[in-house]
Structures are given as C-alpha cells and as structure tokens.
PDB file of N, CA and C in Angstrom:
ATOM      1  N   UNK A   1     161.636 134.802 140.990  1.00  0.00           N
ATOM      2  CA  UNK A   1     160.632 136.030 141.330  1.00  0.00           C
ATOM      3  C   UNK A   1     159.516 135.486 142.103  1.00  0.00           C
ATOM      4  N   UNK A   2     159.018 134.486 141.834  1.00  0.00           N
ATOM      5  CA  UNK A   2     157.733 133.947 142.686  1.00  0.00           C
ATOM      6  C   UNK A   2     158.182 133.577 144.005  1.00  0.00           C
ATOM      7  N   UNK A   3     159.464 133.181 144.306  1.00  0.00           N
ATOM      8  CA  UNK A   3     159.931 132.753 145.388  1.00  0.00           C
ATOM      9  C   UNK A   3     160.127 133.744 146.404  1.00  0.00           C
ATOM     10  N   UNK A   4     160.461 135.091 145.973  1.00  0.00           N
ATOM     11  CA  UNK A   4     160.552 136.261 146.868  1.00  0.00           C
ATOM     12  C   UNK A   4     159.421 136.940 146.968  1.00  0.00           C
ATOM     13  N   UNK A   5     158.252 136.557 146.541  1.00  0.00           N
ATOM     14  CA  UNK A   5     157.015 137.235 146.689  1.00  0.00           C
ATOM     15  C   UNK A   5     156.856 138.234 145.918  1.00  0.00           C
ATOM     16  N   UNK A   6     157.412 138.469 144.859  1.00  0.00           N
ATOM     17  CA  UNK A   6     157.319 139.696 143.990  1.00  0.00           C
ATOM     18  C   UNK A   6     155.887 139.799 143.454  1.00  0.00           C
ATOM     19  N   UNK A   7     155.470 141.072 143.346  1.00  0.00           N
ATOM     20  CA  UNK A   7     154.149 141.205 142.721  1.00  0.00           C
ATOM     21  C   UNK A   7     154.106 140.746 141.237  1.00  0.00           C
ATOM     22  N   UNK A   8     152.797 140.519 140.785  1.00  0.00           N
ATOM     23  CA  UNK A   8     152.856 140.165 139.369  1.00  0.00           C
ATOM     24  C   UNK A   8     153.283 141.167 138.587  1.00  0.00           C
ATOM     25  N   UNK A   9     152.860 142.364 138.733  1.00  0.00           N
ATOM     26  CA  UNK A   9     153.136 143.583 138.071  1.00  0.00           C
ATOM     27  C   UNK A   9     154.781 143.636 137.978  1.00  0.00           C
ATOM     28  N   UNK A  10     155.384 143.591 139.274  1.00  0.00           N
ATOM     29  CA  UNK A  10     156.828 143.649 139.198  1.00  0.00           C
ATOM     30  C   UNK A  10     157.503 142.628 138.331  1.00  0.00           C
ATOM     31  N   UNK A  11     156.904 141.611 138.379  1.00  0.00           N
ATOM     32  CA  UNK A  11     157.437 140.318 137.607  1.00  0.00           C
ATOM     33  C   UNK A  11     157.293 140.516 135.974  1.00  0.00           C
ATOM     34  N   UNK A  12     156.185 141.172 135.789  1.00  0.00           N
ATOM     35  CA  UNK A  12     155.997 141.465 134.451  1.00  0.00           C
ATOM     36  C   UNK A  12     156.744 142.369 133.800  1.00  0.00           C
ATOM     37  N   UNK A  13     156.958 143.534 134.742  1.00  0.00           N
ATOM     38  CA  UNK A  13     157.751 144.709 134.304  1.00  0.00           C
ATOM     39  C   UNK A  13     159.130 144.217 134.043  1.00  0.00           C
ATOM     40  N   UNK A  14     159.839 143.332 134.894  1.00  0.00           N
ATOM     41  CA  UNK A  14     161.061 142.816 134.869  1.00  0.00           C
ATOM     42  C   UNK A  14     161.200 142.009 133.600  1.00  0.00           C
ATOM     43  N   UNK A  15     160.120 141.150 133.369  1.00  0.00           N
ATOM     44  CA  UNK A  15     160.363 140.297 132.163  1.00  0.00           C
ATOM     45  C   UNK A  15     160.349 141.067 130.817  1.00  0.00           C
ATOM     46  N   UNK A  16     159.483 142.086 130.937  1.00  0.00           N
ATOM     47  CA  UNK A  16     159.546 143.092 129.517  1.00  0.00           C
ATOM     48  C   UNK A  16     160.966 143.799 129.432  1.00  0.00           C
ATOM     49  N   UNK A  17     161.565 144.295 130.597  1.00  0.00           N
ATOM     50  CA  UNK A  17     162.762 145.088 130.452  1.00  0.00           C
ATOM     51  C   UNK A  17     163.988 143.942 130.119  1.00  0.00           C
ATOM     52  N   UNK A  18     163.954 142.806 130.492  1.00  0.00           N
ATOM     53  CA  UNK A  18     164.974 141.679 130.106  1.00  0.00           C
ATOM     54  C   UNK A  18     164.703 141.370 128.595  1.00  0.00           C
ATOM     55  N   UNK A  19     163.365 141.297 128.066  1.00  0.00           N
ATOM     56  CA  UNK A  19     162.939 140.758 126.581  1.00  0.00           C
ATOM     57  C   UNK A  19     163.592 142.232 125.803  1.00  0.00           C
ATOM     58  N   UNK A  20     163.337 143.189 126.264  1.00  0.00           N
ATOM     59  CA  UNK A  20     163.588 144.422 125.395  1.00  0.00           C
ATOM     60  C   UNK A  20     165.289 144.696 125.301  1.00  0.00           C
ATOM     61  N   UNK A  21     165.775 144.278 126.501  1.00  0.00           N
ATOM     62  CA  UNK A  21     167.462 144.274 126.466  1.00  0.00           C
ATOM     63  C   UNK A  21     168.022 143.046 125.573  1.00  0.00           C
ATOM     64  N   UNK A  22     167.284 141.975 125.612  1.00  0.00           N
ATOM     65  CA  UNK A  22     167.771 140.787 124.885  1.00  0.00           C
ATOM     66  C   UNK A  22     167.644 141.232 123.417  1.00  0.00           C
ATOM     67  N   UNK A  23     166.509 142.002 123.030  1.00  0.00           N
ATOM     68  CA  UNK A  23     166.242 142.174 121.705  1.00  0.00           C
ATOM     69  C   UNK A  23     167.536 143.227 121.193  1.00  0.00           C
ATOM     70  N   UNK A  24     167.782 144.187 122.000  1.00  0.00           N
ATOM     71  CA  UNK A  24     168.707 145.051 121.825  1.00  0.00           C
ATOM     72  C   UNK A  24     170.209 144.529 121.687  1.00  0.00           C
ATOM     73  N   UNK A  25     170.527 143.640 122.470  1.00  0.00           N
ATOM     74  CA  UNK A  25     171.913 143.043 122.140  1.00  0.00           C
ATOM     75  C   UNK A  25     171.884 142.152 121.053  1.00  0.00           C
ATOM     76  N   UNK A  26     170.807 141.696 120.553  1.00  0.00           N
ATOM     77  CA  UNK A  26     170.799 140.694 119.479  1.00  0.00           C
ATOM     78  C   UNK A  26     170.862 139.333 119.815  1.00  0.00           C
ATOM     79  N   UNK A  27     170.447 138.385 118.980  1.00  0.00           N
ATOM     80  CA  UNK A  27     170.453 136.989 119.216  1.00  0.00           C
ATOM     81  C   UNK A  27     171.779 136.278 119.226  1.00  0.00           C
ATOM     82  N   UNK A  28     172.655 136.906 118.698  1.00  0.00           N
ATOM     83  CA  UNK A  28     173.925 136.512 118.746  1.00  0.00           C
ATOM     84  C   UNK A  28     174.823 136.499 120.039  1.00  0.00           C
ATOM     85  N   UNK A  29     174.384 137.382 120.788  1.00  0.00           N
ATOM     86  CA  UNK A  29     174.986 137.750 122.231  1.00  0.00           C
ATOM     87  C   UNK A  29     174.108 137.261 123.274  1.00  0.00           C
ATOM     88  N   UNK A  30     174.772 136.303 124.144  1.00  0.00           N
ATOM     89  CA  UNK A  30     174.152 135.845 125.334  1.00  0.00           C
ATOM     90  C   UNK A  30     174.496 136.876 126.711  1.00  0.00           C
ATOM     91  N   UNK A  31     173.632 136.471 127.457  1.00  0.00           N
ATOM     92  CA  UNK A  31     173.942 137.398 128.833  1.00  0.00           C
ATOM     93  C   UNK A  31     175.407 137.003 129.334  1.00  0.00           C
ATOM     94  N   UNK A  32     175.885 135.910 129.200  1.00  0.00           N
ATOM     95  CA  UNK A  32     177.119 135.641 129.669  1.00  0.00           C
ATOM     96  C   UNK A  32     178.287 136.417 129.085  1.00  0.00           C
ATOM     97  N   UNK A  33     178.089 136.758 127.919  1.00  0.00           N
ATOM     98  CA  UNK A  33     179.127 137.792 127.150  1.00  0.00           C
ATOM     99  C   UNK A  33     179.151 139.008 127.389  1.00  0.00           C
ATOM    100  N   UNK A  34     178.241 139.523 128.170  1.00  0.00           N
ATOM    101  CA  UNK A  34     178.029 141.123 128.638  1.00  0.00           C
ATOM    102  C   UNK A  34     179.052 141.361 129.539  1.00  0.00           C
ATOM    103  N   UNK A  35     180.098 141.991 129.394  1.00  0.00           N
ATOM    104  CA  UNK A  35     181.325 142.084 130.258  1.00  0.00           C
ATOM    105  C   UNK A  35     181.474 143.551 130.873  1.00  0.00           C
ATOM    106  N   UNK A  36     181.000 144.559 129.939  1.00  0.00           N
ATOM    107  CA  UNK A  36     181.110 146.019 130.507  1.00  0.00           C
ATOM    108  C   UNK A  36     179.785 146.775 130.689  1.00  0.00           C
ATOM    109  N   UNK A  37     179.820 147.771 131.548  1.00  0.00           N
ATOM    110  CA  UNK A  37     178.853 148.602 131.760  1.00  0.00           C
ATOM    111  C   UNK A  37     178.343 149.375 130.477  1.00  0.00           C
ATOM    112  N   UNK A  38     179.188 149.432 129.565  1.00  0.00           N
ATOM    113  CA  UNK A  38     178.942 150.210 128.424  1.00  0.00           C
ATOM    114  C   UNK A  38     177.787 149.438 127.482  1.00  0.00           C
ATOM    115  N   UNK A  39     177.749 148.209 127.579  1.00  0.00           N
ATOM    116  CA  UNK A  39     176.775 147.381 126.962  1.00  0.00           C
ATOM    117  C   UNK A  39     175.474 147.620 127.429  1.00  0.00           C
ATOM    118  N   UNK A  40     175.468 147.900 128.856  1.00  0.00           N
ATOM    119  CA  UNK A  40     174.152 147.905 129.411  1.00  0.00           C
ATOM    120  C   UNK A  40     173.670 149.450 129.504  1.00  0.00           C
ATOM    121  N   UNK A  41     174.704 150.458 129.471  1.00  0.00           N
ATOM    122  CA  UNK A  41     174.240 151.820 129.460  1.00  0.00           C
ATOM    123  C   UNK A  41     173.814 152.124 128.036  1.00  0.00           C
ATOM    124  N   UNK A  42     174.186 151.806 127.015  1.00  0.00           N
ATOM    125  CA  UNK A  42     173.852 151.974 125.698  1.00  0.00           C
ATOM    126  C   UNK A  42     172.436 151.653 125.669  1.00  0.00           C
ATOM    127  N   UNK A  43     171.922 150.515 126.227  1.00  0.00           N
ATOM    128  CA  UNK A  43     170.466 150.093 126.148  1.00  0.00           C
ATOM    129  C   UNK A  43     169.798 151.028 127.069  1.00  0.00           C
ATOM    130  N   UNK A  44     170.259 151.487 128.351  1.00  0.00           N
ATOM    131  CA  UNK A  44     169.499 152.243 129.017  1.00  0.00           C
ATOM    132  C   UNK A  44     169.260 153.624 128.303  1.00  0.00           C
ATOM    133  N   UNK A  45     170.375 154.024 127.613  1.00  0.00           N
ATOM    134  CA  UNK A  45     170.355 155.466 127.105  1.00  0.00           C
ATOM    135  C   UNK A  45     169.164 155.548 125.957  1.00  0.00           C
ATOM    136  N   UNK A  46     168.814 154.399 125.422  1.00  0.00           N
ATOM    137  CA  UNK A  46     167.739 154.560 124.699  1.00  0.00           C
ATOM    138  C   UNK A  46     166.439 154.482 125.105  1.00  0.00           C
ATOM    139  N   UNK A  47     166.288 154.487 126.479  1.00  0.00           N
ATOM    140  CA  UNK A  47     165.086 154.376 127.132  1.00  0.00           C
ATOM    141  C   UNK A  47     164.978 155.759 127.819  1.00  0.00           C
ATOM    142  N   UNK A  48     165.742 156.649 127.784  1.00  0.00           N
ATOM    143  CA  UNK A  48     165.668 158.066 128.264  1.00  0.00           C
ATOM    144  C   UNK A  48     164.646 158.825 127.215  1.00  0.00           C
ATOM    145  N   UNK A  49     163.851 159.520 127.857  1.00  0.00           N
ATOM    146  CA  UNK A  49     162.765 160.380 126.790  1.00  0.00           C
ATOM    147  C   UNK A  49     163.775 161.915 126.794  1.00  0.00           C
ATOM    148  N   UNK A  50     163.575 162.225 125.405  1.00  0.00           N
ATOM    149  CA  UNK A  50     164.235 163.542 125.095  1.00  0.00           C
ATOM    150  C   UNK A  50     163.577 164.648 126.043  1.00  0.00           C
ATOM    151  N   UNK A  51     164.501 165.733 126.401  1.00  0.00           N
ATOM    152  CA  UNK A  51     163.911 166.620 127.150  1.00  0.00           C
ATOM    153  C   UNK A  51     162.749 167.462 126.508  1.00  0.00           C
ATOM    154  N   UNK A  52     162.941 167.517 125.292  1.00  0.00           N
ATOM    155  CA  UNK A  52     161.735 168.339 124.431  1.00  0.00           C
ATOM    156  C   UNK A  52     160.322 167.597 124.644  1.00  0.00           C
ATOM    157  N   UNK A  53     160.384 166.151 124.937  1.00  0.00           N
ATOM    158  CA  UNK A  53     159.156 165.522 125.226  1.00  0.00           C
ATOM    159  C   UNK A  53     158.620 165.764 126.597  1.00  0.00           C
ATOM    160  N   UNK A  54     159.676 165.970 127.584  1.00  0.00           N
ATOM    161  CA  UNK A  54     159.252 166.269 128.876  1.00  0.00           C
ATOM    162  C   UNK A  54     158.729 167.802 128.875  1.00  0.00           C
ATOM    163  N   UNK A  55     159.299 168.708 128.152  1.00  0.00           N
ATOM    164  CA  UNK A  55     158.886 170.011 128.195  1.00  0.00           C
ATOM    165  C   UNK A  55     157.647 170.104 127.582  1.00  0.00           C
ATOM    166  N   UNK A  56     157.105 169.425 126.602  1.00  0.00           N
ATOM    167  CA  UNK A  56     155.949 169.175 126.008  1.00  0.00           C
ATOM    168  C   UNK A  56     154.814 168.657 126.780  1.00  0.00           C
ATOM    169  N   UNK A  57     155.197 167.563 127.733  1.00  0.00           N
ATOM    170  CA  UNK A  57     154.041 167.058 128.818  1.00  0.00           C
ATOM    171  C   UNK A  57     154.057 167.966 129.603  1.00  0.00           C
ATOM    172  N   UNK A  58     154.938 168.683 130.178  1.00  0.00           N
ATOM    173  CA  UNK A  58     154.922 169.825 131.198  1.00  0.00           C
ATOM    174  C   UNK A  58     154.027 170.949 130.876  1.00  0.00           C
ATOM    175  N   UNK A  59     154.188 171.385 129.587  1.00  0.00           N
ATOM    176  CA  UNK A  59     153.474 172.449 129.166  1.00  0.00           C
ATOM    177  C   UNK A  59     152.059 172.120 129.103  1.00  0.00           C
ATOM    178  N   UNK A  60     151.704 170.829 128.385  1.00  0.00           N
ATOM    179  CA  UNK A  60     150.268 170.241 128.453  1.00  0.00           C
ATOM    180  C   UNK A  60     149.554 170.238 129.782  1.00  0.00           C
ATOM    181  N   UNK A  61     150.534 169.833 130.753  1.00  0.00           N
ATOM    182  CA  UNK A  61     150.176 169.588 132.182  1.00  0.00           C
ATOM    183  C   UNK A  61     149.500 170.953 132.771  1.00  0.00           C
ATOM    184  N   UNK A  62     150.639 171.927 132.742  1.00  0.00           N
ATOM    185  CA  UNK A  62     150.305 173.324 133.115  1.00  0.00           C
ATOM    186  C   UNK A  62     149.164 173.680 132.586  1.00  0.00           C
ATOM    187  N   UNK A  63     148.888 173.687 131.234  1.00  0.00           N
ATOM    188  CA  UNK A  63     147.843 174.148 130.505  1.00  0.00           C
ATOM    189  C   UNK A  63     146.432 173.624 131.061  1.00  0.00           C
ATOM    190  N   UNK A  64     146.678 172.266 131.275  1.00  0.00           N
ATOM    191  CA  UNK A  64     145.308 171.659 131.900  1.00  0.00           C
ATOM    192  C   UNK A  64     145.057 172.340 133.112  1.00  0.00           C
ATOM    193  N   UNK A  65     145.970 172.060 134.024  1.00  0.00           N
ATOM    194  CA  UNK A  65     145.806 172.760 135.387  1.00  0.00           C
ATOM    195  C   UNK A  65     145.132 174.232 135.348  1.00  0.00           C
ATOM    196  N   UNK A  66     145.586 174.995 134.504  1.00  0.00           N
ATOM    197  CA  UNK A  66     145.190 176.276 134.224  1.00  0.00           C
ATOM    198  C   UNK A  66     143.552 176.172 133.926  1.00  0.00           C
ATOM    199  N   UNK A  67     143.522 175.538 132.950  1.00  0.00           N
ATOM    200  CA  UNK A  67     141.935 175.187 132.485  1.00  0.00           C
ATOM    201  C   UNK A  67     141.103 174.812 133.610  1.00  0.00           C
ATOM    202  N   UNK A  68     141.698 173.719 134.436  1.00  0.00           N
ATOM    203  CA  UNK A  68     140.749 173.231 135.524  1.00  0.00           C
ATOM    204  C   UNK A  68     140.616 174.418 136.596  1.00  0.00           C
ATOM    205  N   UNK A  69     141.682 174.996 136.881  1.00  0.00           N
ATOM    206  CA  UNK A  69     141.526 176.179 137.923  1.00  0.00           C
ATOM    207  C   UNK A  69     140.415 177.302 137.596  1.00  0.00           C
ATOM    208  N   UNK A  70     140.301 177.560 136.139  1.00  0.00           N
ATOM    209  CA  UNK A  70     139.370 178.453 135.679  1.00  0.00           C
ATOM    210  C   UNK A  70     137.928 177.858 135.687  1.00  0.00           C
ATOM    211  N   UNK A  71     137.890 176.563 135.601  1.00  0.00           N
ATOM    212  CA  UNK A  71     136.590 176.027 135.560  1.00  0.00           C
ATOM    213  C   UNK A  71     136.283 175.872 137.036  1.00  0.00           C
ATOM    214  N   UNK A  72     137.110 175.616 137.975  1.00  0.00           N
ATOM    215  CA  UNK A  72     136.850 175.614 139.491  1.00  0.00           C
ATOM    216  C   UNK A  72     136.313 177.070 139.949  1.00  0.00           C
ATOM    217  N   UNK A  73     136.916 177.922 139.542  1.00  0.00           N
ATOM    218  CA  UNK A  73     136.363 179.344 139.961  1.00  0.00           C
ATOM    219  C   UNK A  73     135.029 179.464 139.444  1.00  0.00           C
ATOM    220  N   UNK A  74     134.817 179.140 138.103  1.00  0.00           N
ATOM    221  CA  UNK A  74     133.601 179.376 137.442  1.00  0.00           C
ATOM    222  C   UNK A  74     132.361 178.616 138.209  1.00  0.00           C
ATOM    223  N   UNK A  75     132.588 177.431 138.535  1.00  0.00           N
ATOM    224  CA  UNK A  75     131.720 176.734 139.073  1.00  0.00           C
ATOM    225  C   UNK A  75     131.413 177.295 140.545  1.00  0.00           C
ATOM    226  N   UNK A  76     132.607 177.545 141.389  1.00  0.00           N
ATOM    227  CA  UNK A  76     132.510 178.184 142.666  1.00  0.00           C
ATOM    228  C   UNK A  76     131.655 179.392 142.632  1.00  0.00           C
ATOM    229  N   UNK A  77     131.824 180.217 141.645  1.00  0.00           N
ATOM    230  CA  UNK A  77     131.139 181.455 141.553  1.00  0.00           C
ATOM    231  C   UNK A  77     129.594 181.081 141.458  1.00  0.00           C
ATOM    232  N   UNK A  78     129.226 180.230 140.477  1.00  0.00           N
ATOM    233  CA  UNK A  78     127.954 179.736 140.124  1.00  0.00           C
ATOM    234  C   UNK A  78     127.316 179.211 141.437  1.00  0.00           C
ATOM    235  N   UNK A  79     127.957 178.447 142.182  1.00  0.00           N
ATOM    236  CA  UNK A  79     127.273 177.849 143.371  1.00  0.00           C
ATOM    237  C   UNK A  79     127.071 178.920 144.497  1.00  0.00           C
ATOM    238  N   UNK A  80     127.800 179.881 144.615  1.00  0.00           N
ATOM    239  CA  UNK A  80     127.572 180.951 145.610  1.00  0.00           C
ATOM    240  C   UNK A  80     126.254 181.738 144.841  1.00  0.00           C
ATOM    241  N   UNK A  81     126.123 181.881 143.734  1.00  0.00           N
ATOM    242  CA  UNK A  81     124.939 182.596 143.225  1.00  0.00           C
ATOM    243  C   UNK A  81     123.725 181.775 143.439  1.00  0.00           C
ATOM    244  N   UNK A  82     123.704 180.710 143.226  1.00  0.00           N
ATOM    245  CA  UNK A  82     122.413 179.867 143.130  1.00  0.00           C
ATOM    246  C   UNK A  82     122.206 179.616 144.815  1.00  0.00           C
ATOM    247  N   UNK A  83     123.434 179.713 145.624  1.00  0.00           N
ATOM    248  CA  UNK A  83     122.958 179.701 147.080  1.00  0.00           C
ATOM    249  C   UNK A  83     122.337 180.842 147.748  1.00  0.00           C
ATOM    250  N   UNK A  84     122.490 181.907 147.133  1.00  0.00           N
ATOM    251  CA  UNK A  84     122.208 183.306 147.432  1.00  0.00           C
ATOM    252  C   UNK A  84     120.723 183.259 146.973  1.00  0.00           C
ATOM    253  N   UNK A  85     120.513 182.808 145.848  1.00  0.00           N
ATOM    254  CA  UNK A  85     119.002 182.779 145.147  1.00  0.00           C
ATOM    255  C   UNK A  85     118.097 181.944 145.987  1.00  0.00           C
ATOM    256  N   UNK A  86     118.585 180.650 146.371  1.00  0.00           N
ATOM    257  CA  UNK A  86     117.989 179.723 147.159  1.00  0.00           C
ATOM    258  C   UNK A  86     117.688 180.286 148.450  1.00  0.00           C
ATOM    259  N   UNK A  87     118.672 180.794 149.116  1.00  0.00           N
ATOM    260  CA  UNK A  87     118.427 181.526 150.617  1.00  0.00           C
ATOM    261  C   UNK A  87     117.480 182.753 150.447  1.00  0.00           C
ATOM    262  N   UNK A  88     117.279 183.446 149.390  1.00  0.00           N
ATOM    263  CA  UNK A  88     116.318 184.427 149.427  1.00  0.00           C
ATOM    264  C   UNK A  88     115.022 183.821 149.100  1.00  0.00           C
ATOM    265  N   UNK A  89     114.897 182.866 148.259  1.00  0.00           N
ATOM    266  CA  UNK A  89     113.681 182.246 147.940  1.00  0.00           C
ATOM    267  C   UNK A  89     113.112 181.533 149.127  1.00  0.00           C
ATOM    268  N   UNK A  90     114.059 180.718 149.972  1.00  0.00           N
ATOM    269  CA  UNK A  90     113.281 180.138 150.981  1.00  0.00           C
ATOM    270  C   UNK A  90     113.013 181.041 152.119  1.00  0.00           C
ATOM    271  N   UNK A  91     113.533 182.350 152.178  1.00  0.00           N
ATOM    272  CA  UNK A  91     113.211 183.060 153.297  1.00  0.00           C
ATOM    273  C   UNK A  91     112.044 183.994 153.103  1.00  0.00           C
TER     274      UNK A  91
END
C-alpha cells in the first residue's frame, strides 16, 4: 500500500478490515482456503447496521435539526430587537 501512495488512514482502515475478517474466519482458515463468495458475504453481513439503528439515528438527527432551527429563529428575533433598540438609542 505504501508503494501506490495510499494515505495512512486508508492503509489503517484496510488493515483493520483484514484483521476483523481474519478473526471472523478463525485461525484454522487461511486466506488461500477462501474459495466462495459466501465466505466473504457472511462476514460483510455482520457489518451491516440494523435498520432500526438507522431509524433511531435519523430520528435523533431530525430532532436535533428541529431544535437548532428553533434556536436560530429565537436568536434571529433577539438580534432584530437589539438592532432596533440600538438604532433608536443612537438616533
């Protein structure tokens, strides 16, 4: 990976993935003994998040966005009030 100028992060992520796959297949199995796609897809299936987790994260994000928008509106209104007060005070 160093030879083809892969970034350190990319190299690190590849090593983590290969290590996790090696732990999944076990110490008795070598990479040379992997002959079917099914052996790899079983491992990849363990890395997929359940849809319920995606839904929960999306709901949290939507809630956070709504809270942020309400704060933005409140701050925007306060800024307008202070601008009016300041402009009347300076006039």
